[in-house]
Amino acid sequence: SIFIISNCHLMSTFYQTIHMLGHGIKPVYEFDGKPPQLKSQEVRTGRAEAEKLLAQVQETGAQENIDKFSKHLVKVTRQHNDECKKLLTIMGAPCEAEASCTALVKVGKVVATVTEDMDSLTFGKGVLLRHLTTSDAKYYCIHLCCDLFVLGPLQKHPAPEDWLYKEARGLFLQPDIVDCSTVDLKWSEPDEDALIQFMCAEKQFSKKMKPEIKGSANKKWKTGATPGK
């Protein structure tokens, strides 16, 4: 339905947050800002390529591949981000828009970065949690190169002459972020009334969800990790 599609970002954010709280994990959400100029063309090219590949795999009916390429076509708008930030603020979760996840790990503000974006590894020492199975890990090592004969990255094609190596390197060595040592991350108790007002009145979630929204948010917060950590 139109309702489900328009509010799926809030539904996912809400349930993922209370699920983590119930397991003693207090998440800190970091929202992407405007991508660097060097990435603009890659973003456009990547989306066009994903659309092409999705059309091809849809003909085969392979659901795994369809899901894979569909993710690359999800367009997150400023409204989506603003609504998620509002929801998280009401739930008491801290959000950061100008800090690098890796930088927050390095200064000890958070324990680890949870992301599917491998770029996080290039920003320096840190802990990255990613959905990686034992089987996938073997292929990952092979792609990164190993000392087994003929196994490793392909080097058939040389780097292009117009490759902006220094500029790209600068994005990782000198990222445009705030001083994370000054970032103060604090959890506050969820505002149940504001949560129900936002989800059920403003965003038109079913009124039947009121008891669940009110009960789960506060219960998970109180039984979760130590406040402020």
Protein backbone atom coordinates (compact mmCIF):
# COMPACT_ATOMS: atom_id res chain seq x y z
CA SER A 1 0.00 0.00 0.00
CA ILE A 2 0.98 3.68 -0.33
CA PHE A 3 1.02 4.01 3.46
CA ILE A 4 3.45 1.12 3.93
CA ILE A 5 5.79 2.40 1.24
CA SER A 6 5.79 5.99 2.53
CA ASN A 7 6.40 5.01 6.16
CA CYS A 8 8.64 1.96 5.81
CA HIS A 9 11.72 4.00 6.82
CA LEU A 10 10.08 4.90 10.13
CA MET A 11 8.78 1.40 10.77
CA SER A 12 12.22 -0.09 10.13
CA THR A 13 14.03 2.51 12.25
CA PHE A 14 11.62 2.09 15.16
CA TYR A 15 11.71 -1.70 15.33
CA GLN A 16 15.45 -1.98 14.69
CA THR A 17 16.12 0.48 17.49
CA ILE A 18 13.97 -1.23 20.11
CA HIS A 19 15.36 -4.61 19.00
CA MET A 20 18.91 -3.44 19.68
CA LEU A 21 17.88 -1.87 22.97
CA GLY A 22 16.37 -5.17 24.04
CA HIS A 23 19.78 -6.81 23.52
CA GLY A 24 21.65 -4.25 25.58
CA ILE A 25 22.86 -2.20 22.59
CA LYS A 26 22.38 1.55 22.49
CA PRO A 27 22.81 2.68 18.87
CA VAL A 28 24.08 6.06 17.68
CA TYR A 29 22.83 6.98 14.21
CA GLU A 30 25.03 8.81 11.72
CA PHE A 31 23.37 10.36 8.66
CA ASP A 32 25.21 10.93 5.41
CA GLY A 33 25.58 14.50 4.26
CA LYS A 34 26.10 15.73 0.72
CA PRO A 35 28.55 13.42 -1.13
CA PRO A 36 31.92 14.89 -2.20
CA GLN A 37 32.09 16.28 -5.73
CA LEU A 38 34.38 13.42 -6.72
CA LYS A 39 31.58 10.96 -5.95
CA SER A 40 28.83 12.70 -7.91
CA GLN A 41 29.51 10.99 -11.22
CA GLU A 42 30.01 7.61 -9.55
CA VAL A 43 26.65 7.90 -7.78
CA ARG A 44 24.88 8.59 -11.09
CA THR A 45 26.77 5.83 -12.91
CA GLY A 46 26.16 3.31 -10.13
CA ARG A 47 22.42 3.95 -10.12
CA ALA A 48 22.15 3.60 -13.89
CA GLU A 49 24.12 0.35 -13.81
CA ALA A 50 21.96 -1.01 -10.98
CA GLU A 51 18.79 -0.26 -12.96
CA LYS A 52 20.19 -2.11 -15.96
CA LEU A 53 21.26 -5.16 -13.92
CA LEU A 54 17.97 -5.25 -12.00
CA ALA A 55 16.03 -5.44 -15.27
CA GLN A 56 18.21 -8.37 -16.34
CA VAL A 57 17.89 -10.38 -13.10
CA GLN A 58 14.13 -9.80 -12.93
CA GLU A 59 13.85 -11.85 -16.10
CA THR A 60 15.63 -14.78 -14.41
CA GLY A 61 13.45 -14.59 -11.30
CA ALA A 62 16.43 -15.02 -8.93
CA GLN A 63 15.09 -13.31 -5.79
CA GLU A 64 18.52 -13.03 -4.15
CA ASN A 65 19.89 -11.01 -7.06
CA ILE A 66 16.71 -8.94 -7.33
CA ASP A 67 17.02 -7.93 -3.66
CA LYS A 68 20.72 -7.15 -4.13
CA PHE A 69 20.26 -4.67 -6.97
CA SER A 70 17.00 -3.24 -5.63
CA LYS A 71 18.91 -1.92 -2.60
CA HIS A 72 21.06 0.21 -4.88
CA LEU A 73 17.96 1.89 -6.31
CA VAL A 74 16.49 3.03 -3.00
CA LYS A 75 16.54 6.82 -2.99
CA VAL A 76 16.68 8.33 0.49
CA THR A 77 15.30 11.87 0.50
CA ARG A 78 15.94 14.71 2.94
CA GLN A 79 12.39 14.20 4.21
CA HIS A 80 13.17 10.56 5.03
CA ASN A 81 16.26 11.61 6.98
CA ASP A 82 14.47 14.42 8.81
CA GLU A 83 11.60 12.14 9.82
CA CYS A 84 13.97 9.44 11.06
CA LYS A 85 15.94 12.02 13.05
CA LYS A 86 12.73 13.27 14.63
CA LEU A 87 11.65 9.74 15.52
CA LEU A 88 15.05 8.89 17.03
CA THR A 89 15.15 12.13 19.01
CA ILE A 90 11.75 11.34 20.51
CA MET A 91 12.99 7.83 21.31
CA GLY A 92 16.00 9.35 23.07
CA ALA A 93 18.63 8.14 20.61
CA PRO A 94 21.56 10.44 19.73
CA CYS A 95 22.09 11.31 16.06
CA GLU A 96 25.13 12.76 14.34
CA ALA A 97 25.24 14.33 10.88
CA GLU A 98 28.77 15.67 10.73
CA ALA A 99 30.86 13.01 12.44
CA SER A 100 32.50 9.99 10.85
CA CYS A 101 31.46 6.66 12.36
CA THR A 102 35.08 5.50 12.31
CA ALA A 103 36.23 8.68 14.06
CA LEU A 104 33.69 8.12 16.83
CA VAL A 105 35.09 4.61 17.33
CA LYS A 106 38.68 5.90 17.41
CA VAL A 107 37.98 8.41 20.19
CA GLY A 108 36.04 5.83 22.20
CA LYS A 109 32.60 7.41 21.85
CA VAL A 110 31.13 4.21 20.40
CA VAL A 111 32.24 0.56 20.33
CA ALA A 112 31.93 -0.22 16.62
CA THR A 113 30.56 0.89 13.25
CA VAL A 114 27.66 -1.11 11.81
CA THR A 115 27.47 -0.58 8.06
CA GLU A 116 27.48 -2.28 4.66
CA ASP A 117 29.76 0.47 3.31
CA MET A 118 33.33 -0.81 3.10
CA ASP A 119 34.58 2.79 2.81
CA SER A 120 34.54 2.85 6.61
CA LEU A 121 37.71 0.76 6.64
CA THR A 122 39.64 3.41 4.74
CA PHE A 123 39.17 6.08 7.39
CA GLY A 124 41.59 4.43 9.79
CA LYS A 125 41.65 2.08 12.74
CA GLY A 126 38.28 1.04 14.07
CA VAL A 127 35.88 -1.87 14.54
CA LEU A 128 33.51 -2.64 11.65
CA LEU A 129 30.53 -4.95 12.08
CA ARG A 130 29.14 -6.21 8.80
CA HIS A 131 26.89 -9.05 7.71
CA LEU A 132 29.69 -11.35 6.65
CA THR A 133 29.36 -15.13 6.76
CA THR A 134 32.29 -17.52 7.11
CA SER A 135 31.82 -18.52 3.48
CA ASP A 136 31.84 -14.91 2.28
CA ALA A 137 34.95 -14.17 4.34
CA LYS A 138 36.96 -16.64 2.26
CA TYR A 139 36.04 -14.86 -0.97
CA TYR A 140 36.76 -11.51 0.66
CA CYS A 141 40.34 -12.60 1.43
CA ILE A 142 40.80 -13.85 -2.14
CA HIS A 143 39.59 -10.56 -3.62
CA LEU A 144 41.96 -8.60 -1.39
CA CYS A 145 44.82 -10.82 -2.58
CA CYS A 146 46.54 -13.79 -1.00
CA ASP A 147 49.75 -15.75 -1.59
CA LEU A 148 48.13 -18.60 -3.53
CA PHE A 149 49.16 -18.79 -7.19
CA VAL A 150 46.81 -17.01 -9.64
CA LEU A 151 44.50 -15.95 -6.81
CA GLY A 152 44.22 -12.23 -6.19
CA PRO A 153 42.97 -8.99 -7.72
CA LEU A 154 42.95 -8.74 -11.51
CA GLN A 155 45.52 -6.35 -12.94
CA LYS A 156 44.77 -6.71 -16.63
CA HIS A 157 43.67 -3.10 -17.01
CA PRO A 158 46.04 -0.30 -15.90
CA ALA A 159 44.79 2.74 -13.98
CA PRO A 160 43.30 5.42 -16.29
CA GLU A 161 45.46 8.46 -17.03
CA ASP A 162 42.84 10.88 -15.68
CA TRP A 163 42.51 9.01 -12.37
CA LEU A 164 42.31 11.61 -9.58
CA TYR A 165 44.36 9.54 -7.16
CA LYS A 166 45.61 12.37 -4.92
CA GLU A 167 42.18 13.96 -4.69
CA ALA A 168 40.55 10.63 -3.81
CA ARG A 169 43.26 9.89 -1.24
CA GLY A 170 42.64 13.27 0.35
CA LEU A 171 38.97 12.42 0.93
CA PHE A 172 40.01 9.61 3.26
CA LEU A 173 43.06 11.22 4.89
CA GLN A 174 41.35 14.55 5.56
CA PRO A 175 37.59 13.91 5.73
CA ASP A 176 35.33 16.91 6.28
CA ILE A 177 34.03 16.08 9.76
CA VAL A 178 33.77 17.74 13.16
CA ASP A 179 36.22 17.03 15.99
CA CYS A 180 34.65 13.84 17.36
CA SER A 181 36.36 14.26 20.74
CA THR A 182 33.98 17.17 21.36
CA VAL A 183 30.85 15.21 20.40
CA ASP A 184 28.65 14.50 23.42
CA LEU A 185 26.50 11.40 22.89
CA LYS A 186 23.75 10.99 25.46
CA TRP A 187 20.65 8.85 25.56
CA SER A 188 17.51 10.30 27.11
CA GLU A 189 14.32 8.58 28.21
CA PRO A 190 11.76 8.16 25.38
CA ASP A 191 8.88 10.65 25.25
CA GLU A 192 5.97 8.23 24.91
CA ASP A 193 3.27 10.85 24.30
CA ALA A 194 5.33 12.60 21.61
CA LEU A 195 6.14 9.21 20.06
CA ILE A 196 2.45 8.30 19.73
CA GLN A 197 1.59 11.79 18.47
CA PHE A 198 4.25 11.62 15.76
CA MET A 199 3.66 8.04 14.60
CA CYS A 200 -0.11 7.67 14.97
CA ALA A 201 -1.36 11.24 14.46
CA GLU A 202 1.19 12.81 12.10
CA LYS A 203 2.35 9.74 10.16
CA GLN A 204 -0.97 7.87 10.43
CA PHE A 205 0.27 4.58 11.84
CA SER A 206 -2.58 2.35 13.02
CA LYS A 207 -4.04 3.39 16.38
CA LYS A 208 -3.88 -0.29 17.31
CA MET A 209 -0.12 0.19 17.56
CA LYS A 210 -0.40 2.71 20.42
CA PRO A 211 0.02 0.16 23.24
CA GLU A 212 2.94 -1.47 21.43
CA ILE A 213 4.65 1.84 20.68
CA LYS A 214 4.19 3.12 24.20
CA GLY A 215 5.13 -0.10 25.94
CA SER A 216 8.03 -1.31 23.83
CA ALA A 217 10.01 1.94 23.64
CA ASN A 218 10.17 2.56 27.39
CA LYS A 219 10.47 -1.09 28.36
CA LYS A 220 13.36 -1.71 25.98
CA TRP A 221 15.08 1.50 27.10
CA LYS A 222 14.86 0.57 30.78
CA THR A 223 15.98 -3.04 30.28
CA GLY A 224 18.70 -2.18 27.77
CA ALA A 225 22.27 -1.02 28.26
CA THR A 226 23.37 1.42 30.94
CA PRO A 227 22.07 4.93 30.07
CA GLY A 228 24.66 7.09 28.34
CA LYS A 229 26.77 4.16 27.03
